[in-house]
C-alpha atoms as a PDB file:
ATOM      1  CA  LEU A   1     213.421  77.831 -61.747  1.00  0.00           C
ATOM      2  CA  SER A   2     213.530  75.075 -64.261  1.00  0.00           C
ATOM      3  CA  LYS A   3     210.269  73.694 -65.545  1.00  0.00           C
ATOM      4  CA  VAL A   4     209.912  69.852 -65.262  1.00  0.00           C
ATOM      5  CA  ARG A   5     208.247  68.309 -68.288  1.00  0.00           C
ATOM      6  CA  GLY A   6     206.570  64.918 -68.457  1.00  0.00           C
ATOM      7  CA  PHE A   7     203.602  63.068 -69.817  1.00  0.00           C
ATOM      8  CA  THR A   8     200.124  63.987 -68.756  1.00  0.00           C
ATOM      9  CA  ILE A   9     197.716  61.324 -67.520  1.00  0.00           C
ATOM     10  CA  ILE A  10     195.731  61.511 -70.757  1.00  0.00           C
ATOM     11  CA  GLU A  11     198.862  60.891 -72.820  1.00  0.00           C
ATOM     12  CA  MET A  12     199.743  57.894 -70.638  1.00  0.00           C
ATOM     13  CA  VAL A  13     196.234  56.398 -71.010  1.00  0.00           C
ATOM     14  CA  ILE A  14     196.437  56.782 -74.794  1.00  0.00           C
ATOM     15  CA  ILE A  15     199.882  55.093 -74.902  1.00  0.00           C
ATOM     16  CA  PHE A  16     198.675  52.175 -72.741  1.00  0.00           C
ATOM     17  CA  GLY A  17     195.593  51.796 -74.959  1.00  0.00           C
ATOM     18  CA  ILE A  18     197.719  51.648 -78.124  1.00  0.00           C
ATOM     19  CA  VAL A  19     200.085  49.109 -76.549  1.00  0.00           C
ATOM     20  CA  ALA A  20     197.098  46.965 -75.449  1.00  0.00           C
ATOM     21  CA  VAL A  21     195.609  46.950 -78.989  1.00  0.00           C
ATOM     22  CA  ILE A  22     198.960  46.035 -80.572  1.00  0.00           C
ATOM     23  CA  SER A  23     199.565  43.280 -77.982  1.00  0.00           C
ATOM     24  CA  THR A  24     196.108  41.782 -78.516  1.00  0.00           C
ATOM     25  CA  THR A  25     196.597  41.738 -82.284  1.00  0.00           C
ATOM     26  CA  LEU A  26     199.994  40.084 -81.931  1.00  0.00           C
ATOM     27  CA  ILE A  27     198.705  37.410 -79.543  1.00  0.00           C
ATOM     28  CA  MET A  28     195.755  36.582 -81.816  1.00  0.00           C
ATOM     29  CA  SER A  29     197.989  36.235 -84.869  1.00  0.00           C
ATOM     30  CA  LEU A  30     200.375  33.961 -82.952  1.00  0.00           C
ATOM     31  CA  HIS A  31     197.441  31.765 -81.879  1.00  0.00           C
ATOM     32  CA  THR A  32     196.176  31.481 -85.465  1.00  0.00           C
ATOM     33  CA  GLY A  33     199.685  30.638 -86.657  1.00  0.00           C
ATOM     34  CA  GLU A  34     199.986  27.897 -84.040  1.00  0.00           C
ATOM     35  CA  GLN A  35     196.707  26.344 -85.212  1.00  0.00           C
ATOM     36  CA  GLN A  36     197.861  26.402 -88.838  1.00  0.00           C
ATOM     37  CA  ILE A  37     201.115  24.685 -87.861  1.00  0.00           C
ATOM     38  CA  LEU A  38     199.171  21.953 -86.009  1.00  0.00           C
ATOM     39  CA  LEU A  39     196.939  21.402 -89.054  1.00  0.00           C
ATOM     40  CA  PHE A  40     199.884  21.215 -91.443  1.00  0.00           C
ATOM     41  CA  LYS A  41     201.676  18.738 -89.162  1.00  0.00           C
ATOM     42  CA  GLY A  42     198.556  16.552 -89.058  1.00  0.00           C
ATOM     43  CA  GLN A  43     198.152  16.858 -92.819  1.00  0.00           C
ATOM     44  CA  ALA A  44     201.786  15.903 -93.397  1.00  0.00           C
ATOM     45  CA  ARG A  45     201.436  12.877 -91.122  1.00  0.00           C
ATOM     46  CA  LEU A  46     198.290  11.655 -92.921  1.00  0.00           C
ATOM     47  CA  VAL A  47     199.879  12.108 -96.346  1.00  0.00           C
ATOM     48  CA  SER A  48     203.001  10.314 -95.139  1.00  0.00           C
ATOM     49  CA  VAL A  49     201.029   7.363 -93.722  1.00  0.00           C
ATOM     50  CA  SER A  50     198.891   7.076 -96.881  1.00  0.00           C
ATOM     51  CA  SER A  51     202.004   7.213 -99.062  1.00  0.00           C
ATOM     52  CA  ARG A  52     203.657   4.551 -96.910  1.00  0.00           C
ATOM     53  CA  ALA A  53     200.675   2.205 -97.341  1.00  0.00           C
ATOM     54  CA  LYS A  54     200.784   2.855-101.090  1.00  0.00           C
ATOM     55  CA  SER A  55     204.548   2.174-101.201  1.00  0.00           C
ATOM     56  CA  LEU A  56     204.184  -1.054 -99.222  1.00  0.00           C
ATOM     57  CA  SER A  57     201.541  -2.209-101.678  1.00  0.00           C
ATOM     58  CA  ILE A  58     203.700  -1.475-104.714  1.00  0.00           C
ATOM     59  CA  ALA A  59     206.866  -2.955-103.175  1.00  0.00           C
ATOM     60  CA  THR A  60     205.287  -6.340-102.435  1.00  0.00           C
ATOM     61  CA  PHE A  61     203.683  -6.944-105.818  1.00  0.00           C
ATOM     62  CA  GLY A  62     204.756 -10.228-107.367  1.00  0.00           C
ATOM     63  CA  GLU A  63     206.230 -11.681-104.196  1.00  0.00           C
ATOM     64  CA  SER A  64     204.786 -14.880-102.787  1.00  0.00           C
ATOM     65  CA  GLY A  65     202.871 -14.928 -99.517  1.00  0.00           C
ATOM     66  CA  VAL A  66     202.152 -11.206 -99.486  1.00  0.00           C
ATOM     67  CA  PRO A  67     198.873  -9.587 -98.451  1.00  0.00           C
ATOM     68  CA  CYS A  68     196.239  -8.558-100.993  1.00  0.00           C
ATOM     69  CA  GLY A  69     196.980  -4.920-100.266  1.00  0.00           C
ATOM     70  CA  TYR A  70     197.831  -2.377 -97.614  1.00  0.00           C
ATOM     71  CA  GLY A  71     195.446   0.194 -96.255  1.00  0.00           C
ATOM     72  CA  VAL A  72     194.866   2.994 -93.799  1.00  0.00           C
ATOM     73  CA  HIS A  73     192.054   2.560 -91.269  1.00  0.00           C
ATOM     74  CA  PHE A  74     190.509   5.603 -89.554  1.00  0.00           C
ATOM     75  CA  GLU A  75     189.011   5.544 -86.059  1.00  0.00           C
ATOM     76  CA  ALA A  76     189.083   9.144 -84.886  1.00  0.00           C
ATOM     77  CA  PRO A  77     191.441  10.331 -83.461  1.00  0.00           C
ATOM     78  CA  ASN A  78     193.540   7.277 -84.406  1.00  0.00           C
ATOM     79  CA  PHE A  79     194.603   5.888 -87.768  1.00  0.00           C
ATOM     80  CA  PHE A  80     196.892   3.020 -88.696  1.00  0.00           C
ATOM     81  CA  ILE A  81     198.292   0.965 -91.572  1.00  0.00           C
ATOM     82  CA  PHE A  82     197.017  -2.590 -91.958  1.00  0.00           C
ATOM     83  CA  LYS A  83     197.532  -5.609 -94.215  1.00  0.00           C
ATOM     84  CA  ASP A  84     194.449  -6.666 -96.161  1.00  0.00           C
ATOM     85  CA  SER A  85     194.773 -10.429 -95.797  1.00  0.00           C
ATOM     86  CA  ALA A  86     192.713 -13.172 -97.382  1.00  0.00           C
ATOM     87  CA  ALA A  87     193.414 -16.712 -98.583  1.00  0.00           C
ATOM     88  CA  ASP A  88     192.254 -15.648-102.036  1.00  0.00           C
ATOM     89  CA  CYS A  89     192.726 -11.998-103.017  1.00  0.00           C
ATOM     90  CA  GLN A  90     189.744 -12.182-105.362  1.00  0.00           C
ATOM     91  CA  SER A  91     187.479 -12.736-102.353  1.00  0.00           C
ATOM     92  CA  ALA A  92     189.165 -10.164-100.056  1.00  0.00           C
ATOM     93  CA  ASP A  93     186.774  -7.648 -98.497  1.00  0.00           C
ATOM     94  CA  ARG A  94     189.134  -4.698 -99.205  1.00  0.00           C
ATOM     95  CA  LYS A  95     188.578  -3.110 -95.792  1.00  0.00           C
ATOM     96  CA  TYR A  96     189.884  -3.530 -92.258  1.00  0.00           C
ATOM     97  CA  THR A  97     188.349  -6.474 -90.452  1.00  0.00           C
ATOM     98  CA  GLU A  98     189.735  -6.896 -86.962  1.00  0.00           C
ATOM     99  CA  SER A  99     189.440 -10.690 -86.976  1.00  0.00           C
ATOM    100  CA  SER A 100     191.249 -11.309 -90.276  1.00  0.00           C
ATOM    101  CA  ASP A 101     193.450  -8.271 -91.045  1.00  0.00           C
ATOM    102  CA  GLU A 102     196.605  -7.292 -89.236  1.00  0.00           C
ATOM    103  CA  ALA A 103     197.489  -3.791 -88.039  1.00  0.00           C
ATOM    104  CA  LEU A 104     201.199  -3.250 -88.636  1.00  0.00           C
ATOM    105  CA  PRO A 105     203.308  -2.780 -85.507  1.00  0.00           C
ATOM    106  CA  ASN A 106     204.687   0.744 -85.058  1.00  0.00           C
ATOM    107  CA  GLU A 107     202.333   2.027 -87.776  1.00  0.00           C
ATOM    108  CA  SER A 108     199.601   3.372 -85.502  1.00  0.00           C
ATOM    109  CA  PHE A 109     199.187   7.134 -85.088  1.00  0.00           C
ATOM    110  CA  GLN A 110     197.054   9.635 -83.220  1.00  0.00           C
ATOM    111  CA  LEU A 111     196.134  13.205 -84.084  1.00  0.00           C
ATOM    112  CA  ASP A 112     197.038  16.076 -81.812  1.00  0.00           C
ATOM    113  CA  PRO A 113     194.123  16.542 -79.370  1.00  0.00           C
ATOM    114  CA  ARG A 114     193.575  20.068 -80.729  1.00  0.00           C
ATOM    115  CA  ILE A 115     192.784  18.643 -84.198  1.00  0.00           C
ATOM    116  CA  ILE A 116     189.814  16.508 -85.244  1.00  0.00           C
ATOM    117  CA  PHE A 117     188.929  14.375 -88.273  1.00  0.00           C
ATOM    118  CA  ASP A 118     185.919  15.448 -90.266  1.00  0.00           C
ATOM    119  CA  ILE A 119     185.496  12.292 -92.352  1.00  0.00           C
ATOM    120  CA  GLY A 120     181.771  11.965 -91.903  1.00  0.00           C
ATOM    121  CA  THR A 121     180.289   8.600 -91.103  1.00  0.00           C
ATOM    122  CA  THR A 122     181.347   6.929 -94.321  1.00  0.00           C
ATOM    123  CA  LEU A 123     185.151   6.968 -94.573  1.00  0.00           C
ATOM    124  CA  ARG A 124     186.792   4.159 -92.641  1.00  0.00           C
ATOM    125  CA  ASP A 125     189.347   2.524 -94.954  1.00  0.00           C
ATOM    126  CA  ILE A 126     191.556   3.349 -97.915  1.00  0.00           C
ATOM    127  CA  VAL A 127     193.182   0.208 -99.359  1.00  0.00           C
ATOM    128  CA  PHE A 128     195.938   0.192-101.979  1.00  0.00           C
ATOM    129  CA  ILE A 129     195.854  -2.907-104.198  1.00  0.00           C
ATOM    130  CA  PRO A 130     199.007  -3.682-106.237  1.00  0.00           C
ATOM    131  CA  PRO A 131     200.375  -3.347-108.873  1.00  0.00           C
ATOM    132  CA  ASN A 132     199.003   0.058-110.023  1.00  0.00           C
ATOM    133  CA  PRO A 133     197.968   0.561-107.140  1.00  0.00           C
ATOM    134  CA  THR A 134     194.212   0.560-107.457  1.00  0.00           C
ATOM    135  CA  VAL A 135     192.510   2.225-104.535  1.00  0.00           C
ATOM    136  CA  ILE A 136     189.418   0.788-102.876  1.00  0.00           C
ATOM    137  CA  ILE A 137     187.624   3.109-100.465  1.00  0.00           C
ATOM    138  CA  ASN A 138     185.519   1.517 -97.700  1.00  0.00           C
ATOM    139  CA  GLY A 139     185.558  -1.834 -99.475  1.00  0.00           C
ATOM    140  CA  THR A 140     183.453  -0.605-102.412  1.00  0.00           C
ATOM    141  CA  PRO A 141     185.008  -0.140-105.851  1.00  0.00           C
ATOM    142  CA  ASP A 142     182.276   2.381-106.753  1.00  0.00           C
ATOM    143  CA  GLN A 143     183.542   5.179-104.506  1.00  0.00           C
ATOM    144  CA  VAL A 144     185.787   7.430-106.589  1.00  0.00           C
ATOM    145  CA  ASN A 145     187.450   9.725-104.020  1.00  0.00           C
ATOM    146  CA  ALA A 146     188.228   9.776-100.335  1.00  0.00           C
ATOM    147  CA  GLU A 147     188.304  13.155 -98.640  1.00  0.00           C
ATOM    148  CA  ILE A 148     189.801  13.630 -95.198  1.00  0.00           C
ATOM    149  CA  VAL A 149     189.229  17.012 -93.586  1.00  0.00           C
ATOM    150  CA  LEU A 150     191.282  18.042 -90.577  1.00  0.00           C
ATOM    151  CA  LYS A 151     189.912  20.869 -88.442  1.00  0.00           C
ATOM    152  CA  THR A 152     190.934  22.637 -85.297  1.00  0.00           C
ATOM    153  CA  ILE A 153     188.610  21.969 -82.360  1.00  0.00           C
ATOM    154  CA  ASN A 154     187.064  25.415 -82.649  1.00  0.00           C
ATOM    155  CA  ASN A 155     186.598  24.934 -86.446  1.00  0.00           C
ATOM    156  CA  ASP A 156     188.522  28.112 -87.299  1.00  0.00           C
ATOM    157  CA  ASN A 157     190.844  26.445 -89.816  1.00  0.00           C
ATOM    158  CA  GLN A 158     190.886  23.292 -91.909  1.00  0.00           C
ATOM    159  CA  VAL A 159     192.982  21.362 -94.426  1.00  0.00           C
ATOM    160  CA  ILE A 160     191.854  18.662 -96.862  1.00  0.00           C
ATOM    161  CA  ILE A 161     193.593  15.487 -98.043  1.00  0.00           C
ATOM    162  CA  LYS A 162     192.142  13.708-101.073  1.00  0.00           C
ATOM    163  CA  VAL A 163     192.925  10.226-102.376  1.00  0.00           C
ATOM    164  CA  ASN A 164     191.495   9.179-105.728  1.00  0.00           C
ATOM    165  CA  ARG A 165     191.008   5.687-107.178  1.00  0.00           C
ATOM    166  CA  ALA A 166     194.278   5.925-109.108  1.00  0.00           C
ATOM    167  CA  GLY A 167     196.236   6.342-105.858  1.00  0.00           C
ATOM    168  CA  GLN A 168     196.987  10.047-106.230  1.00  0.00           C
ATOM    169  CA  ILE A 169     197.211  11.789-102.860  1.00  0.00           C
ATOM    170  CA  SER A 170     196.650  15.550-102.948  1.00  0.00           C
ATOM    171  CA  THR A 171     196.185  18.329-100.394  1.00  0.00           C
ATOM    172  CA  GLN A 172     194.298  21.608-100.250  1.00  0.00           C
END
């Protein structure tokens, strides 16, 4: 008679256990990768919007009838580009004021719901003033840097965008 060979129950349990551990590890790494991709997309969008406001400010310098500057206003989870308007640019408030400043059409954005701003209670506006551009943060020329932190909702990962007074936009 021929002897039939196969796996024992113990060998099958061990194989299923190994497959379960490998599957769990793979799923967790895919989830972490998805969160990183969401953060980097949000970071890229914020850098792009800030750079656009800076470019608009530089491009309009010297033209007549242009705003005193362009800025980015933050109201979590939304942010948008606005014109800093005033009759006299010397007396402009250098921050978004709903009654006097104009949000640009098609320049309003929203973060993915799985990402949140961590800008504290102080950061509301970054305004680029031509020609350099000089950057005014929250309407006060004393503030040197703006730091925007994007986090996942469960706070596992984060990325940072910094804007300094000289208009340099950097990421970490």
